[in-house]
């Protein structure tokens, strides 16, 4: 078994209806639907270079690269074991040369990341501010769920520094953190689009996708979003198209 697997117990899973193979920690943070919807919302095209902040084992990066074969994705991740697993996942999916996840801290980014070099930046930050909840006992899950030294505003600031003028930044986050996310973007980005993910018809949104563009002044748009589940609990056709067929979202 590979070196990463010798450090942590892993499972072999798949995303996008088997289009993406994903090796990930069995007991730490595990990719669910959020990175898939995040990748689906990024408007990447052929030749675009995309940055994934907090890339983990590469779930969002791999989904985006599979959906848009002409783009390339770089990722930055703080946890070394996850970077090792990400490298295995990139190789297993035949995406060496198009996807690369590197070790790094957004507060002290590696020199290889040049400001303004990316057409798009995407991020799935920790959902809880520091001190808002008791962190999970497993350290990897704790880092994925609770902010550390880098607060949400730092994630937004870094994303805007990395994206080129008029390029997009895309975040998926908890709906109750929307005010903080919009505040961090205020005065720094425009053409903000808020895309709610509704658990079911008539239910409050639990997640939102927020996209903005650097250096533009277009007013904010609140979009209809997408309903995830039918009354019986099955995914709606629209959600299933994203999660299993690799469809994109237009924000």
C-alpha atoms as a PDB file:
ATOM      1  CA  UNK A   1       0.000   0.000   0.000  1.00  0.00           C
ATOM      2  CA  UNK A   2       1.203   3.527  -0.717  1.00  0.00           C
ATOM      3  CA  UNK A   3       3.027   5.636   1.864  1.00  0.00           C
ATOM      4  CA  UNK A   4      -0.008   7.806   2.606  1.00  0.00           C
ATOM      5  CA  UNK A   5      -2.138   4.775   3.357  1.00  0.00           C
ATOM      6  CA  UNK A   6       0.492   3.534   5.831  1.00  0.00           C
ATOM      7  CA  UNK A   7      -0.009   6.699   7.909  1.00  0.00           C
ATOM      8  CA  UNK A   8      -3.815   6.789   8.015  1.00  0.00           C
ATOM      9  CA  UNK A   9      -6.542   4.261   7.365  1.00  0.00           C
ATOM     10  CA  UNK A  10      -8.151   4.933   3.990  1.00  0.00           C
ATOM     11  CA  UNK A  11     -11.077   3.832   1.875  1.00  0.00           C
ATOM     12  CA  UNK A  12     -11.361   3.650  -1.909  1.00  0.00           C
ATOM     13  CA  UNK A  13     -14.438   5.502  -3.099  1.00  0.00           C
ATOM     14  CA  UNK A  14     -15.720   7.201  -6.239  1.00  0.00           C
ATOM     15  CA  UNK A  15     -17.480  10.380  -7.308  1.00  0.00           C
ATOM     16  CA  UNK A  16     -19.469  11.449 -10.369  1.00  0.00           C
ATOM     17  CA  UNK A  17     -21.005   8.032 -10.859  1.00  0.00           C
ATOM     18  CA  UNK A  18     -17.601   6.327 -10.928  1.00  0.00           C
ATOM     19  CA  UNK A  19     -15.928   8.859 -13.222  1.00  0.00           C
ATOM     20  CA  UNK A  20     -13.573   9.906 -10.407  1.00  0.00           C
ATOM     21  CA  UNK A  21     -11.736   7.439  -8.167  1.00  0.00           C
ATOM     22  CA  UNK A  22     -11.075   8.859  -4.700  1.00  0.00           C
ATOM     23  CA  UNK A  23      -8.906   7.455  -1.940  1.00  0.00           C
ATOM     24  CA  UNK A  24      -9.647   9.309   1.297  1.00  0.00           C
ATOM     25  CA  UNK A  25      -9.285   8.933   5.084  1.00  0.00           C
ATOM     26  CA  UNK A  26     -11.725   6.460   6.554  1.00  0.00           C
ATOM     27  CA  UNK A  27     -12.101   8.340   9.834  1.00  0.00           C
ATOM     28  CA  UNK A  28     -11.141  11.954   9.030  1.00  0.00           C
ATOM     29  CA  UNK A  29     -12.888  14.460   6.808  1.00  0.00           C
ATOM     30  CA  UNK A  30     -14.635  12.659   3.956  1.00  0.00           C
ATOM     31  CA  UNK A  31     -15.742  14.299   0.739  1.00  0.00           C
ATOM     32  CA  UNK A  32     -19.513  14.480   0.399  1.00  0.00           C
ATOM     33  CA  UNK A  33     -21.539  16.530  -2.067  1.00  0.00           C
ATOM     34  CA  UNK A  34     -20.064  19.970  -1.312  1.00  0.00           C
ATOM     35  CA  UNK A  35     -16.850  19.659  -3.372  1.00  0.00           C
ATOM     36  CA  UNK A  36     -18.834  18.210  -6.274  1.00  0.00           C
ATOM     37  CA  UNK A  37     -21.217  21.171  -6.374  1.00  0.00           C
ATOM     38  CA  UNK A  38     -18.294  23.545  -5.890  1.00  0.00           C
ATOM     39  CA  UNK A  39     -16.497  22.137  -8.928  1.00  0.00           C
ATOM     40  CA  UNK A  40     -19.713  22.171 -10.950  1.00  0.00           C
ATOM     41  CA  UNK A  41     -20.108  25.916 -10.376  1.00  0.00           C
ATOM     42  CA  UNK A  42     -16.645  26.976 -11.570  1.00  0.00           C
ATOM     43  CA  UNK A  43     -16.941  28.439 -15.114  1.00  0.00           C
ATOM     44  CA  UNK A  44     -13.647  26.977 -16.334  1.00  0.00           C
ATOM     45  CA  UNK A  45     -12.998  26.581 -20.035  1.00  0.00           C
ATOM     46  CA  UNK A  46     -10.273  25.130 -22.247  1.00  0.00           C
ATOM     47  CA  UNK A  47      -6.849  26.481 -21.362  1.00  0.00           C
ATOM     48  CA  UNK A  48      -7.922  27.911 -17.996  1.00  0.00           C
ATOM     49  CA  UNK A  49      -5.742  27.447 -14.914  1.00  0.00           C
ATOM     50  CA  UNK A  50      -7.763  27.015 -11.704  1.00  0.00           C
ATOM     51  CA  UNK A  51      -6.649  27.132  -8.059  1.00  0.00           C
ATOM     52  CA  UNK A  52      -8.314  24.988  -5.381  1.00  0.00           C
ATOM     53  CA  UNK A  53      -7.687  26.360  -1.865  1.00  0.00           C
ATOM     54  CA  UNK A  54      -7.814  23.741   0.885  1.00  0.00           C
ATOM     55  CA  UNK A  55      -7.860  21.005  -1.725  1.00  0.00           C
ATOM     56  CA  UNK A  56      -7.819  18.049   0.670  1.00  0.00           C
ATOM     57  CA  UNK A  57      -7.429  14.772  -1.220  1.00  0.00           C
ATOM     58  CA  UNK A  58      -8.360  16.516  -4.473  1.00  0.00           C
ATOM     59  CA  UNK A  59     -12.101  15.841  -4.712  1.00  0.00           C
ATOM     60  CA  UNK A  60     -13.138  19.203  -6.191  1.00  0.00           C
ATOM     61  CA  UNK A  61     -10.024  19.489  -8.366  1.00  0.00           C
ATOM     62  CA  UNK A  62     -10.546  16.043  -9.864  1.00  0.00           C
ATOM     63  CA  UNK A  63     -14.264  16.623 -10.481  1.00  0.00           C
ATOM     64  CA  UNK A  64     -13.537  19.895 -12.267  1.00  0.00           C
ATOM     65  CA  UNK A  65     -10.764  18.375 -14.371  1.00  0.00           C
ATOM     66  CA  UNK A  66     -13.058  15.505 -15.362  1.00  0.00           C
ATOM     67  CA  UNK A  67     -15.930  17.845 -16.295  1.00  0.00           C
ATOM     68  CA  UNK A  68     -13.760  20.285 -18.272  1.00  0.00           C
ATOM     69  CA  UNK A  69     -10.989  18.309 -20.035  1.00  0.00           C
ATOM     70  CA  UNK A  70      -9.264  21.442 -21.311  1.00  0.00           C
ATOM     71  CA  UNK A  71      -8.521  23.077 -17.968  1.00  0.00           C
ATOM     72  CA  UNK A  72      -5.697  22.530 -15.466  1.00  0.00           C
ATOM     73  CA  UNK A  73      -6.035  22.667 -11.687  1.00  0.00           C
ATOM     74  CA  UNK A  74      -3.537  23.450  -8.952  1.00  0.00           C
ATOM     75  CA  UNK A  75      -4.393  22.889  -5.318  1.00  0.00           C
ATOM     76  CA  UNK A  76      -2.964  23.998  -1.985  1.00  0.00           C
ATOM     77  CA  UNK A  77      -3.491  21.920   1.163  1.00  0.00           C
ATOM     78  CA  UNK A  78      -2.130  22.291   4.696  1.00  0.00           C
ATOM     79  CA  UNK A  79      -2.260  18.624   5.765  1.00  0.00           C
ATOM     80  CA  UNK A  80       0.670  16.628   4.424  1.00  0.00           C
ATOM     81  CA  UNK A  81      -1.090  13.240   4.582  1.00  0.00           C
ATOM     82  CA  UNK A  82      -3.933  14.585   2.451  1.00  0.00           C
ATOM     83  CA  UNK A  83      -1.484  15.924  -0.118  1.00  0.00           C
ATOM     84  CA  UNK A  84       0.048  12.449  -0.400  1.00  0.00           C
ATOM     85  CA  UNK A  85      -3.394  10.929  -0.917  1.00  0.00           C
ATOM     86  CA  UNK A  86      -4.209  13.623  -3.469  1.00  0.00           C
ATOM     87  CA  UNK A  87      -1.117  12.663  -5.466  1.00  0.00           C
ATOM     88  CA  UNK A  88      -2.313   9.044  -5.491  1.00  0.00           C
ATOM     89  CA  UNK A  89      -5.756  10.174  -6.633  1.00  0.00           C
ATOM     90  CA  UNK A  90      -4.340  12.292  -9.443  1.00  0.00           C
ATOM     91  CA  UNK A  91      -2.326   9.323 -10.706  1.00  0.00           C
ATOM     92  CA  UNK A  92      -5.224   6.880 -10.329  1.00  0.00           C
ATOM     93  CA  UNK A  93      -7.428   9.134 -12.451  1.00  0.00           C
ATOM     94  CA  UNK A  94      -4.802   9.609 -15.176  1.00  0.00           C
ATOM     95  CA  UNK A  95      -4.590  13.353 -14.557  1.00  0.00           C
ATOM     96  CA  UNK A  96      -0.866  13.822 -13.936  1.00  0.00           C
ATOM     97  CA  UNK A  97       0.161  17.038 -15.666  1.00  0.00           C
ATOM     98  CA  UNK A  98      -3.315  18.561 -15.440  1.00  0.00           C
ATOM     99  CA  UNK A  99      -3.952  18.380 -11.684  1.00  0.00           C
ATOM    100  CA  UNK A 100      -1.368  19.015  -8.961  1.00  0.00           C
ATOM    101  CA  UNK A 101      -1.962  19.390  -5.221  1.00  0.00           C
ATOM    102  CA  UNK A 102       0.893  20.946  -3.220  1.00  0.00           C
ATOM    103  CA  UNK A 103       1.566  21.385   0.477  1.00  0.00           C
ATOM    104  CA  UNK A 104       1.056  24.950   1.600  1.00  0.00           C
ATOM    105  CA  UNK A 105      -0.577  27.449   3.942  1.00  0.00           C
ATOM    106  CA  UNK A 106      -2.713  30.237   2.491  1.00  0.00           C
ATOM    107  CA  UNK A 107      -1.298  32.620   5.112  1.00  0.00           C
ATOM    108  CA  UNK A 108       2.221  31.782   3.908  1.00  0.00           C
ATOM    109  CA  UNK A 109       1.708  30.514   0.342  1.00  0.00           C
ATOM    110  CA  UNK A 110       4.449  28.686  -1.558  1.00  0.00           C
ATOM    111  CA  UNK A 111       6.411  30.866  -4.013  1.00  0.00           C
ATOM    112  CA  UNK A 112       5.160  28.722  -6.889  1.00  0.00           C
ATOM    113  CA  UNK A 113       1.748  30.353  -6.569  1.00  0.00           C
ATOM    114  CA  UNK A 114       1.964  33.633  -8.432  1.00  0.00           C
ATOM    115  CA  UNK A 115      -0.652  36.281  -7.595  1.00  0.00           C
ATOM    116  CA  UNK A 116      -3.065  36.937 -10.435  1.00  0.00           C
ATOM    117  CA  UNK A 117      -2.040  33.787 -12.301  1.00  0.00           C
ATOM    118  CA  UNK A 118      -5.369  31.935 -12.148  1.00  0.00           C
ATOM    119  CA  UNK A 119      -8.478  32.294 -14.291  1.00  0.00           C
ATOM    120  CA  UNK A 120     -10.637  30.939 -11.464  1.00  0.00           C
ATOM    121  CA  UNK A 121     -10.217  30.114  -7.775  1.00  0.00           C
ATOM    122  CA  UNK A 122     -12.458  27.767  -5.789  1.00  0.00           C
ATOM    123  CA  UNK A 123     -12.634  26.941  -2.072  1.00  0.00           C
ATOM    124  CA  UNK A 124     -14.561  24.830   0.430  1.00  0.00           C
ATOM    125  CA  UNK A 125     -13.379  26.447   3.692  1.00  0.00           C
ATOM    126  CA  UNK A 126     -13.958  25.165   7.229  1.00  0.00           C
ATOM    127  CA  UNK A 127     -17.579  25.891   8.055  1.00  0.00           C
ATOM    128  CA  UNK A 128     -17.293  26.979  11.691  1.00  0.00           C
ATOM    129  CA  UNK A 129     -15.417  29.992  13.071  1.00  0.00           C
ATOM    130  CA  UNK A 130     -12.837  29.301  15.756  1.00  0.00           C
ATOM    131  CA  UNK A 131     -14.464  29.001  19.172  1.00  0.00           C
ATOM    132  CA  UNK A 132     -17.977  28.476  17.801  1.00  0.00           C
ATOM    133  CA  UNK A 133     -18.025  24.739  18.519  1.00  0.00           C
ATOM    134  CA  UNK A 134     -16.000  21.963  20.103  1.00  0.00           C
ATOM    135  CA  UNK A 135     -13.684  20.623  17.382  1.00  0.00           C
ATOM    136  CA  UNK A 136     -14.052  16.934  16.443  1.00  0.00           C
ATOM    137  CA  UNK A 137     -11.483  14.741  18.246  1.00  0.00           C
ATOM    138  CA  UNK A 138      -9.904  13.584  14.977  1.00  0.00           C
ATOM    139  CA  UNK A 139      -7.401  16.303  13.999  1.00  0.00           C
ATOM    140  CA  UNK A 140      -7.941  16.051  10.237  1.00  0.00           C
ATOM    141  CA  UNK A 141     -11.694  16.415  10.610  1.00  0.00           C
ATOM    142  CA  UNK A 142     -11.207  19.276  13.071  1.00  0.00           C
ATOM    143  CA  UNK A 143      -9.084  21.224  10.589  1.00  0.00           C
ATOM    144  CA  UNK A 144     -11.674  20.663   7.876  1.00  0.00           C
ATOM    145  CA  UNK A 145     -14.631  21.808   9.991  1.00  0.00           C
ATOM    146  CA  UNK A 146     -13.296  24.574  12.279  1.00  0.00           C
ATOM    147  CA  UNK A 147     -11.251  27.588  11.199  1.00  0.00           C
ATOM    148  CA  UNK A 148      -7.678  27.737  12.440  1.00  0.00           C
ATOM    149  CA  UNK A 149      -5.320  30.681  12.110  1.00  0.00           C
ATOM    150  CA  UNK A 150      -6.862  31.557   8.743  1.00  0.00           C
ATOM    151  CA  UNK A 151     -10.324  33.077   9.174  1.00  0.00           C
ATOM    152  CA  UNK A 152     -12.913  33.205   6.399  1.00  0.00           C
ATOM    153  CA  UNK A 153     -11.835  36.729   5.434  1.00  0.00           C
ATOM    154  CA  UNK A 154      -8.282  35.411   4.933  1.00  0.00           C
ATOM    155  CA  UNK A 155      -9.588  32.748   2.523  1.00  0.00           C
ATOM    156  CA  UNK A 156     -11.424  35.392   0.493  1.00  0.00           C
ATOM    157  CA  UNK A 157      -8.445  37.750   0.519  1.00  0.00           C
ATOM    158  CA  UNK A 158      -6.122  35.000  -0.705  1.00  0.00           C
ATOM    159  CA  UNK A 159      -8.567  33.912  -3.422  1.00  0.00           C
ATOM    160  CA  UNK A 160      -8.829  37.450  -4.763  1.00  0.00           C
ATOM    161  CA  UNK A 161      -5.051  37.871  -4.690  1.00  0.00           C
ATOM    162  CA  UNK A 162      -4.563  34.706  -6.745  1.00  0.00           C
ATOM    163  CA  UNK A 163      -7.226  35.269  -9.407  1.00  0.00           C
ATOM    164  CA  UNK A 164      -6.575  37.447 -12.442  1.00  0.00           C
ATOM    165  CA  UNK A 165      -8.586  40.651 -13.077  1.00  0.00           C
ATOM    166  CA  UNK A 166     -12.203  39.800 -14.013  1.00  0.00           C
ATOM    167  CA  UNK A 167     -11.551  36.170 -13.047  1.00  0.00           C
ATOM    168  CA  UNK A 168     -13.969  34.356 -10.740  1.00  0.00           C
ATOM    169  CA  UNK A 169     -13.761  33.093  -7.183  1.00  0.00           C
ATOM    170  CA  UNK A 170     -16.265  30.436  -6.080  1.00  0.00           C
ATOM    171  CA  UNK A 171     -16.987  29.321  -2.510  1.00  0.00           C
ATOM    172  CA  UNK A 172     -19.327  26.708  -1.065  1.00  0.00           C
ATOM    173  CA  UNK A 173     -20.279  27.385   2.547  1.00  0.00           C
ATOM    174  CA  UNK A 174     -22.942  27.037   5.197  1.00  0.00           C
ATOM    175  CA  UNK A 175     -25.936  29.292   4.587  1.00  0.00           C
ATOM    176  CA  UNK A 176     -25.587  30.883   8.021  1.00  0.00           C
ATOM    177  CA  UNK A 177     -22.075  32.107   7.113  1.00  0.00           C
ATOM    178  CA  UNK A 178     -23.367  33.979   4.064  1.00  0.00           C
ATOM    179  CA  UNK A 179     -23.252  37.419   5.769  1.00  0.00           C
ATOM    180  CA  UNK A 180     -19.593  36.920   6.726  1.00  0.00           C
ATOM    181  CA  UNK A 181     -18.730  35.690   3.249  1.00  0.00           C
ATOM    182  CA  UNK A 182     -20.427  38.655   1.556  1.00  0.00           C
ATOM    183  CA  UNK A 183     -18.790  41.073   3.995  1.00  0.00           C
ATOM    184  CA  UNK A 184     -15.358  39.677   3.137  1.00  0.00           C
ATOM    185  CA  UNK A 185     -16.049  40.232  -0.571  1.00  0.00           C
ATOM    186  CA  UNK A 186     -17.563  43.701  -0.187  1.00  0.00           C
ATOM    187  CA  UNK A 187     -15.537  46.375  -1.935  1.00  0.00           C
ATOM    188  CA  UNK A 188     -13.134  43.795  -3.330  1.00  0.00           C
ATOM    189  CA  UNK A 189     -15.256  41.917  -5.881  1.00  0.00           C
ATOM    190  CA  UNK A 190     -18.434  42.376  -7.871  1.00  0.00           C
ATOM    191  CA  UNK A 191     -20.955  40.411  -9.921  1.00  0.00           C
ATOM    192  CA  UNK A 192     -21.613  38.396  -6.761  1.00  0.00           C
ATOM    193  CA  UNK A 193     -23.976  35.476  -7.384  1.00  0.00           C
ATOM    194  CA  UNK A 194     -25.607  33.604  -4.502  1.00  0.00           C
ATOM    195  CA  UNK A 195     -26.844  30.116  -5.416  1.00  0.00           C
ATOM    196  CA  UNK A 196     -28.701  28.344  -2.552  1.00  0.00           C
ATOM    197  CA  UNK A 197     -28.747  24.565  -2.231  1.00  0.00           C
ATOM    198  CA  UNK A 198     -32.164  23.682  -0.805  1.00  0.00           C
ATOM    199  CA  UNK A 199     -32.414  20.276   0.996  1.00  0.00           C
ATOM    200  CA  UNK A 200     -36.030  20.006  -0.167  1.00  0.00           C
ATOM    201  CA  UNK A 201     -38.961  22.089  -1.347  1.00  0.00           C
ATOM    202  CA  UNK A 202     -39.957  24.546   1.375  1.00  0.00           C
ATOM    203  CA  UNK A 203     -36.897  23.831   3.529  1.00  0.00           C
ATOM    204  CA  UNK A 204     -34.283  26.442   4.465  1.00  0.00           C
ATOM    205  CA  UNK A 205     -31.051  26.324   2.505  1.00  0.00           C
ATOM    206  CA  UNK A 206     -28.247  24.570   4.347  1.00  0.00           C
ATOM    207  CA  UNK A 207     -25.495  25.428   1.852  1.00  0.00           C
ATOM    208  CA  UNK A 208     -24.839  28.278  -0.544  1.00  0.00           C
ATOM    209  CA  UNK A 209     -22.501  28.625  -3.479  1.00  0.00           C
ATOM    210  CA  UNK A 210     -21.186  32.174  -3.777  1.00  0.00           C
ATOM    211  CA  UNK A 211     -19.318  33.340  -6.853  1.00  0.00           C
ATOM    212  CA  UNK A 212     -17.771  36.753  -7.508  1.00  0.00           C
ATOM    213  CA  UNK A 213     -15.399  38.384  -9.987  1.00  0.00           C
ATOM    214  CA  UNK A 214     -12.358  40.482  -9.234  1.00  0.00           C
ATOM    215  CA  UNK A 215     -12.331  44.052 -10.474  1.00  0.00           C
ATOM    216  CA  UNK A 216     -15.919  44.327 -11.713  1.00  0.00           C
ATOM    217  CA  UNK A 217     -18.805  46.348 -10.283  1.00  0.00           C
ATOM    218  CA  UNK A 218     -21.891  44.442 -11.484  1.00  0.00           C
ATOM    219  CA  UNK A 219     -24.633  44.255  -8.795  1.00  0.00           C
ATOM    220  CA  UNK A 220     -25.241  41.132  -6.742  1.00  0.00           C
ATOM    221  CA  UNK A 221     -27.646  38.449  -7.995  1.00  0.00           C
ATOM    222  CA  UNK A 222     -29.699  36.092  -5.805  1.00  0.00           C
ATOM    223  CA  UNK A 223     -30.358  33.010  -7.925  1.00  0.00           C
ATOM    224  CA  UNK A 224     -33.132  30.383  -7.632  1.00  0.00           C
ATOM    225  CA  UNK A 225     -30.594  27.731  -6.677  1.00  0.00           C
ATOM    226  CA  UNK A 226     -31.238  24.015  -6.767  1.00  0.00           C
ATOM    227  CA  UNK A 227     -33.426  21.632  -4.737  1.00  0.00           C
ATOM    228  CA  UNK A 228     -31.404  18.586  -3.692  1.00  0.00           C
ATOM    229  CA  UNK A 229     -34.028  16.056  -2.585  1.00  0.00           C
ATOM    230  CA  UNK A 230     -37.510  14.984  -3.565  1.00  0.00           C
ATOM    231  CA  UNK A 231     -40.164  14.405  -0.909  1.00  0.00           C
ATOM    232  CA  UNK A 232     -39.165  10.762  -0.601  1.00  0.00           C
ATOM    233  CA  UNK A 233     -35.513  11.574   0.004  1.00  0.00           C
ATOM    234  CA  UNK A 234     -34.135  10.732  -3.428  1.00  0.00           C
ATOM    235  CA  UNK A 235     -31.988  13.252  -5.235  1.00  0.00           C
ATOM    236  CA  UNK A 236     -33.872  15.415  -7.712  1.00  0.00           C
ATOM    237  CA  UNK A 237     -33.047  15.006 -11.384  1.00  0.00           C
ATOM    238  CA  UNK A 238     -31.151  18.310 -11.366  1.00  0.00           C
ATOM    239  CA  UNK A 239     -29.047  17.301  -8.357  1.00  0.00           C
ATOM    240  CA  UNK A 240     -28.439  13.837  -9.757  1.00  0.00           C
ATOM    241  CA  UNK A 241     -27.176  15.327 -13.022  1.00  0.00           C
ATOM    242  CA  UNK A 242     -24.477  17.192 -11.090  1.00  0.00           C
ATOM    243  CA  UNK A 243     -23.577  14.440  -8.623  1.00  0.00           C
ATOM    244  CA  UNK A 244     -23.544  11.425 -10.934  1.00  0.00           C
ATOM    245  CA  UNK A 245     -23.351  12.715 -14.490  1.00  0.00           C
ATOM    246  CA  UNK A 246     -20.846  15.545 -14.000  1.00  0.00           C
ATOM    247  CA  UNK A 247     -23.170  18.328 -15.195  1.00  0.00           C
ATOM    248  CA  UNK A 248     -22.133  21.904 -14.568  1.00  0.00           C
ATOM    249  CA  UNK A 249     -24.025  24.749 -12.922  1.00  0.00           C
ATOM    250  CA  UNK A 250     -24.512  28.162 -14.528  1.00  0.00           C
ATOM    251  CA  UNK A 251     -24.334  31.010 -12.013  1.00  0.00           C
END
